[in-house]
Amino acid sequence: MNRPRRSEQTREALIEAGIEQLSRHGYHGTGIKQILDEVSVPKGSFYNFFASKEA
């Protein structure tokens, strides 16, 4: 069985946290910082995976 790479796990965690925050607070009520705080990921790492919140 192949283990998911750490970067894939981080990306998936960011997506899941984003979905959760957006469903709770809506698009305009959700900031990238809220998503990052939920996953404990530095801001620079977010931009390695996504160009912006819209991505």
N, C-alpha and C. Protein backbone atom coordinates (compact mmCIF):
# COMPACT_ATOMS: atom_id res chain seq x y z
N MET A 1 0.85 -1.18 0.00
CA MET A 1 0.00 0.00 0.00
C MET A 1 0.89 1.24 0.00
N ASN A 2 0.59 2.19 -0.87
CA ASN A 2 1.34 3.43 -0.94
C ASN A 2 0.83 4.42 0.10
N ARG A 3 1.77 5.03 0.81
CA ARG A 3 1.41 6.09 1.75
C ARG A 3 1.33 7.41 1.01
N PRO A 4 0.30 8.19 1.30
CA PRO A 4 0.23 9.51 0.66
C PRO A 4 1.41 10.37 1.10
N ARG A 5 1.95 11.12 0.18
CA ARG A 5 3.05 12.01 0.52
C ARG A 5 2.55 13.11 1.45
N ARG A 6 3.45 13.61 2.26
CA ARG A 6 3.08 14.66 3.23
C ARG A 6 2.46 15.87 2.53
N SER A 7 3.02 16.25 1.38
CA SER A 7 2.46 17.42 0.68
C SER A 7 1.03 17.16 0.21
N GLU A 8 0.75 15.93 -0.20
CA GLU A 8 -0.62 15.59 -0.60
C GLU A 8 -1.56 15.66 0.60
N GLN A 9 -1.07 15.20 1.75
CA GLN A 9 -1.88 15.25 2.97
C GLN A 9 -2.15 16.69 3.38
N THR A 10 -1.13 17.53 3.28
CA THR A 10 -1.29 18.95 3.63
C THR A 10 -2.28 19.62 2.70
N ARG A 11 -2.16 19.37 1.41
CA ARG A 11 -3.08 19.96 0.44
C ARG A 11 -4.51 19.53 0.72
N GLU A 12 -4.70 18.26 0.99
CA GLU A 12 -6.04 17.74 1.28
C GLU A 12 -6.59 18.36 2.57
N ALA A 13 -5.74 18.51 3.58
CA ALA A 13 -6.17 19.13 4.84
C ALA A 13 -6.58 20.58 4.62
N LEU A 14 -5.85 21.30 3.78
CA LEU A 14 -6.20 22.69 3.47
C LEU A 14 -7.55 22.76 2.75
N ILE A 15 -7.77 21.86 1.82
CA ILE A 15 -9.05 21.84 1.10
C ILE A 15 -10.20 21.56 2.06
N GLU A 16 -10.02 20.56 2.91
CA GLU A 16 -11.08 20.21 3.87
C GLU A 16 -11.36 21.35 4.84
N ALA A 17 -10.29 22.00 5.33
CA ALA A 17 -10.47 23.13 6.25
C ALA A 17 -11.15 24.29 5.52
N GLY A 18 -10.79 24.51 4.27
CA GLY A 18 -11.42 25.57 3.48
C GLY A 18 -12.91 25.33 3.30
N ILE A 19 -13.26 24.10 2.98
CA ILE A 19 -14.68 23.76 2.82
C ILE A 19 -15.43 23.98 4.12
N GLU A 20 -14.84 23.55 5.22
CA GLU A 20 -15.47 23.70 6.54
C GLU A 20 -15.66 25.18 6.88
N GLN A 21 -14.61 25.98 6.70
CA GLN A 21 -14.70 27.41 7.03
C GLN A 21 -15.69 28.14 6.12
N LEU A 22 -15.66 27.81 4.84
CA LEU A 22 -16.58 28.45 3.90
C LEU A 22 -18.03 28.09 4.19
N SER A 23 -18.27 26.85 4.60
CA SER A 23 -19.65 26.45 4.91
C SER A 23 -20.13 27.12 6.19
N ARG A 24 -19.22 27.38 7.12
CA ARG A 24 -19.59 28.04 8.38
C ARG A 24 -19.77 29.55 8.23
N HIS A 25 -18.83 30.18 7.53
CA HIS A 25 -18.75 31.65 7.53
C HIS A 25 -19.04 32.30 6.18
N GLY A 26 -19.20 31.51 5.12
CA GLY A 26 -19.41 32.08 3.79
C GLY A 26 -18.10 32.56 3.19
N TYR A 27 -18.16 32.87 1.91
CA TYR A 27 -16.95 33.28 1.18
C TYR A 27 -16.32 34.53 1.78
N HIS A 28 -17.11 35.57 1.97
CA HIS A 28 -16.57 36.85 2.45
C HIS A 28 -16.21 36.80 3.93
N GLY A 29 -16.77 35.87 4.67
CA GLY A 29 -16.46 35.75 6.08
C GLY A 29 -15.30 34.83 6.39
N THR A 30 -14.73 34.24 5.36
CA THR A 30 -13.62 33.30 5.54
C THR A 30 -12.34 33.92 5.00
N GLY A 31 -11.34 33.96 5.85
CA GLY A 31 -10.02 34.44 5.44
C GLY A 31 -9.04 33.28 5.37
N ILE A 32 -7.99 33.47 4.62
CA ILE A 32 -6.97 32.43 4.51
C ILE A 32 -6.40 32.10 5.88
N LYS A 33 -6.25 33.11 6.74
CA LYS A 33 -5.70 32.88 8.08
C LYS A 33 -6.54 31.88 8.87
N GLN A 34 -7.86 31.95 8.75
CA GLN A 34 -8.73 31.00 9.45
C GLN A 34 -8.45 29.57 8.99
N ILE A 35 -8.29 29.40 7.71
CA ILE A 35 -8.01 28.08 7.15
C ILE A 35 -6.65 27.59 7.64
N LEU A 36 -5.65 28.46 7.57
CA LEU A 36 -4.31 28.09 8.00
C LEU A 36 -4.25 27.76 9.48
N ASP A 37 -4.96 28.53 10.30
CA ASP A 37 -4.97 28.27 11.74
C ASP A 37 -5.59 26.91 12.05
N GLU A 38 -6.62 26.54 11.31
CA GLU A 38 -7.29 25.26 11.55
C GLU A 38 -6.36 24.09 11.24
N VAL A 39 -5.49 24.25 10.25
CA VAL A 39 -4.61 23.16 9.82
C VAL A 39 -3.20 23.31 10.40
N SER A 40 -2.90 24.47 10.99
CA SER A 40 -1.57 24.77 11.53
C SER A 40 -0.50 24.70 10.43
N VAL A 41 -0.76 25.45 9.37
CA VAL A 41 0.15 25.51 8.23
C VAL A 41 0.58 26.97 8.06
N PRO A 42 1.87 27.22 7.81
CA PRO A 42 2.31 28.60 7.58
C PRO A 42 1.75 29.16 6.27
N LYS A 43 1.59 30.48 6.25
CA LYS A 43 0.98 31.15 5.09
C LYS A 43 1.73 30.84 3.79
N GLY A 44 3.05 30.82 3.85
CA GLY A 44 3.84 30.54 2.65
C GLY A 44 3.53 29.18 2.06
N SER A 45 3.25 28.23 2.91
CA SER A 45 2.93 26.88 2.43
C SER A 45 1.62 26.87 1.66
N PHE A 46 0.66 27.68 2.09
CA PHE A 46 -0.62 27.77 1.38
C PHE A 46 -0.38 28.14 -0.08
N TYR A 47 0.48 29.12 -0.29
CA TYR A 47 0.71 29.61 -1.65
C TYR A 47 1.55 28.64 -2.48
N ASN A 48 2.16 27.64 -1.86
CA ASN A 48 2.81 26.57 -2.63
C ASN A 48 1.76 25.69 -3.30
N PHE A 49 0.59 25.60 -2.70
CA PHE A 49 -0.47 24.74 -3.21
C PHE A 49 -1.52 25.49 -4.04
N PHE A 50 -1.79 26.74 -3.67
CA PHE A 50 -2.87 27.51 -4.30
C PHE A 50 -2.40 28.94 -4.55
N ALA A 51 -2.84 29.51 -5.65
CA ALA A 51 -2.45 30.88 -5.99
C ALA A 51 -3.19 31.91 -5.14
N SER A 52 -4.41 31.55 -4.70
CA SER A 52 -5.23 32.48 -3.93
C SER A 52 -6.38 31.73 -3.29
N LYS A 53 -7.19 32.43 -2.52
CA LYS A 53 -8.38 31.82 -1.93
C LYS A 53 -9.33 31.34 -3.02
N GLU A 54 -9.37 32.05 -4.12
CA GLU A 54 -10.26 31.68 -5.21
C GLU A 54 -9.86 30.36 -5.87
N ALA A 55 -8.59 30.05 -5.82
CA ALA A 55 -8.10 28.82 -6.46
C ALA A 55 -8.63 27.63 -5.73
